[in-house]
Amino acid sequence: MTMPKVSDPDAELRSELVDLGGVELSELAILGDSAFSHALRRVREEADNPPHSVAGFEAVI
């Protein structure tokens, strides 16, 4: 991976990561039974049904 110099504003940033910006999560069902598909399924389920965890703090003097 080549990182552009900060002094070069026209430099192209290249990455080994896949750009999934324009892909719907539902379209990723074609991944089958991979670890990535399990992680995406969990993200979708938690987005639809957020966990009911509550954090609290009580100070008593």
N, C-alpha and C. Protein backbone atom coordinates (compact mmCIF):
# COMPACT_ATOMS: atom_id res chain seq x y z
N MET A 1 0.85 -1.16 0.00
CA MET A 1 0.00 0.00 0.00
C MET A 1 0.90 1.23 0.00
N THR A 2 0.59 2.18 -0.84
CA THR A 2 1.36 3.41 -0.94
C THR A 2 0.56 4.54 -0.31
N MET A 3 1.16 5.21 0.63
CA MET A 3 0.49 6.34 1.28
C MET A 3 0.92 7.64 0.60
N PRO A 4 -0.03 8.51 0.28
CA PRO A 4 0.33 9.78 -0.35
C PRO A 4 0.99 10.71 0.66
N LYS A 5 1.81 11.59 0.15
CA LYS A 5 2.43 12.59 1.00
C LYS A 5 1.39 13.64 1.36
N VAL A 6 1.46 14.16 2.57
CA VAL A 6 0.51 15.17 3.02
C VAL A 6 0.63 16.42 2.18
N SER A 7 1.82 16.71 1.69
CA SER A 7 2.04 17.93 0.91
C SER A 7 1.49 17.83 -0.50
N ASP A 8 0.99 16.64 -0.90
CA ASP A 8 0.48 16.46 -2.26
C ASP A 8 -1.05 16.28 -2.19
N PRO A 9 -1.83 17.36 -2.33
CA PRO A 9 -3.28 17.27 -2.17
C PRO A 9 -3.96 16.49 -3.30
N ASP A 10 -3.31 16.30 -4.43
CA ASP A 10 -3.91 15.59 -5.56
C ASP A 10 -3.55 14.10 -5.58
N ALA A 11 -2.82 13.65 -4.58
CA ALA A 11 -2.39 12.26 -4.54
C ALA A 11 -3.59 11.34 -4.30
N GLU A 12 -3.60 10.21 -4.97
CA GLU A 12 -4.68 9.24 -4.82
C GLU A 12 -4.38 8.32 -3.65
N LEU A 13 -5.35 8.16 -2.76
CA LEU A 13 -5.20 7.27 -1.62
C LEU A 13 -5.64 5.88 -2.06
N ARG A 14 -4.74 4.92 -1.95
CA ARG A 14 -5.06 3.54 -2.32
C ARG A 14 -5.07 2.69 -1.08
N SER A 15 -5.95 1.69 -1.07
CA SER A 15 -6.09 0.83 0.10
C SER A 15 -6.38 -0.59 -0.36
N GLU A 16 -6.05 -1.55 0.49
CA GLU A 16 -6.35 -2.95 0.23
C GLU A 16 -7.77 -3.30 0.68
N LEU A 17 -8.45 -2.37 1.36
CA LEU A 17 -9.80 -2.63 1.84
C LEU A 17 -10.80 -2.54 0.70
N VAL A 18 -11.84 -3.36 0.77
CA VAL A 18 -12.88 -3.36 -0.24
C VAL A 18 -13.85 -2.23 0.06
N ASP A 19 -14.21 -1.45 -0.95
CA ASP A 19 -15.16 -0.36 -0.77
C ASP A 19 -16.57 -0.91 -0.93
N LEU A 20 -17.31 -0.99 0.17
CA LEU A 20 -18.67 -1.48 0.16
C LEU A 20 -19.67 -0.34 0.35
N GLY A 21 -19.23 0.87 0.06
CA GLY A 21 -20.06 2.05 0.29
C GLY A 21 -21.38 2.04 -0.44
N GLY A 22 -21.44 1.51 -1.65
CA GLY A 22 -22.68 1.52 -2.41
C GLY A 22 -23.43 0.21 -2.39
N VAL A 23 -23.05 -0.69 -1.49
CA VAL A 23 -23.66 -2.02 -1.44
C VAL A 23 -24.61 -2.10 -0.24
N GLU A 24 -25.83 -2.57 -0.49
CA GLU A 24 -26.79 -2.78 0.59
C GLU A 24 -26.40 -4.03 1.37
N LEU A 25 -26.63 -4.02 2.68
CA LEU A 25 -26.30 -5.18 3.50
C LEU A 25 -27.06 -6.42 3.04
N SER A 26 -28.29 -6.24 2.58
CA SER A 26 -29.08 -7.38 2.12
C SER A 26 -28.47 -8.03 0.88
N GLU A 27 -27.73 -7.28 0.09
CA GLU A 27 -27.09 -7.82 -1.10
C GLU A 27 -25.90 -8.72 -0.76
N LEU A 28 -25.41 -8.62 0.44
CA LEU A 28 -24.24 -9.40 0.84
C LEU A 28 -24.61 -10.82 1.27
N ALA A 29 -25.87 -11.19 1.11
CA ALA A 29 -26.31 -12.54 1.47
C ALA A 29 -25.63 -13.59 0.60
N ILE A 30 -25.10 -13.19 -0.53
CA ILE A 30 -24.44 -14.14 -1.43
C ILE A 30 -23.13 -14.66 -0.87
N LEU A 31 -22.69 -14.11 0.26
CA LEU A 31 -21.42 -14.53 0.85
C LEU A 31 -21.49 -15.92 1.46
N GLY A 32 -22.68 -16.42 1.67
CA GLY A 32 -22.81 -17.77 2.21
C GLY A 32 -22.58 -17.82 3.70
N ASP A 33 -21.80 -18.79 4.13
CA ASP A 33 -21.60 -19.07 5.55
C ASP A 33 -20.22 -18.63 6.04
N SER A 34 -19.75 -17.49 5.56
CA SER A 34 -18.43 -17.01 5.94
C SER A 34 -18.49 -16.26 7.27
N ALA A 35 -17.35 -16.04 7.88
CA ALA A 35 -17.28 -15.27 9.13
C ALA A 35 -17.77 -13.84 8.90
N PHE A 36 -17.47 -13.30 7.73
CA PHE A 36 -17.90 -11.94 7.39
C PHE A 36 -19.42 -11.87 7.31
N SER A 37 -20.05 -12.88 6.70
CA SER A 37 -21.52 -12.87 6.60
C SER A 37 -22.16 -13.00 7.98
N HIS A 38 -21.55 -13.78 8.88
CA HIS A 38 -22.07 -13.89 10.25
C HIS A 38 -21.98 -12.55 10.97
N ALA A 39 -20.87 -11.84 10.79
CA ALA A 39 -20.71 -10.54 11.42
C ALA A 39 -21.72 -9.54 10.88
N LEU A 40 -21.94 -9.54 9.57
CA LEU A 40 -22.92 -8.63 8.98
C LEU A 40 -24.34 -8.96 9.44
N ARG A 41 -24.64 -10.25 9.56
CA ARG A 41 -25.96 -10.66 10.04
C ARG A 41 -26.18 -10.14 11.46
N ARG A 42 -25.16 -10.23 12.28
CA ARG A 42 -25.28 -9.74 13.66
C ARG A 42 -25.49 -8.23 13.69
N VAL A 43 -24.78 -7.50 12.84
CA VAL A 43 -24.95 -6.04 12.78
C VAL A 43 -26.37 -5.70 12.36
N ARG A 44 -26.89 -6.40 11.36
CA ARG A 44 -28.26 -6.14 10.90
C ARG A 44 -29.28 -6.46 11.98
N GLU A 45 -29.10 -7.58 12.68
CA GLU A 45 -30.04 -7.95 13.73
C GLU A 45 -30.02 -6.95 14.88
N GLU A 46 -28.84 -6.48 15.26
CA GLU A 46 -28.74 -5.51 16.35
C GLU A 46 -29.28 -4.15 15.93
N ALA A 47 -29.18 -3.83 14.63
CA ALA A 47 -29.74 -2.56 14.15
C ALA A 47 -31.26 -2.60 14.18
N ASP A 48 -31.84 -3.77 13.85
CA ASP A 48 -33.29 -3.92 13.87
C ASP A 48 -33.84 -4.07 15.28
N ASN A 49 -33.09 -4.74 16.15
CA ASN A 49 -33.51 -4.99 17.54
C ASN A 49 -32.35 -4.67 18.47
N PRO A 50 -32.16 -3.40 18.82
CA PRO A 50 -31.03 -3.05 19.67
C PRO A 50 -31.10 -3.74 21.03
N PRO A 51 -29.94 -4.13 21.56
CA PRO A 51 -29.93 -4.77 22.87
C PRO A 51 -30.43 -3.79 23.94
N HIS A 52 -31.03 -4.33 24.97
CA HIS A 52 -31.59 -3.50 26.04
C HIS A 52 -30.60 -3.33 27.19
N SER A 53 -29.38 -3.07 26.85
CA SER A 53 -28.39 -2.88 27.90
C SER A 53 -28.41 -1.41 28.34
N VAL A 54 -28.26 -1.22 29.62
CA VAL A 54 -28.29 0.12 30.19
C VAL A 54 -27.06 0.27 31.08
N ALA A 55 -26.40 1.38 30.92
CA ALA A 55 -25.26 1.68 31.79
C ALA A 55 -25.70 2.82 32.72
N GLY A 56 -25.32 2.72 33.95
CA GLY A 56 -25.71 3.76 34.89
C GLY A 56 -24.63 4.01 35.91
N PHE A 57 -24.73 5.13 36.57
CA PHE A 57 -23.76 5.50 37.61
C PHE A 57 -24.51 6.23 38.69
N GLU A 58 -24.29 5.85 39.92
CA GLU A 58 -24.93 6.52 41.05
C GLU A 58 -23.86 6.85 42.08
N ALA A 59 -23.69 8.12 42.34
CA ALA A 59 -22.69 8.56 43.32
C ALA A 59 -23.40 8.86 44.64
N VAL A 60 -22.90 8.27 45.69
CA VAL A 60 -23.47 8.50 47.02
C VAL A 60 -22.33 8.97 47.92
N ILE A 61 -22.59 10.08 48.60
CA ILE A 61 -21.55 10.61 49.50
C ILE A 61 -21.99 10.41 50.93
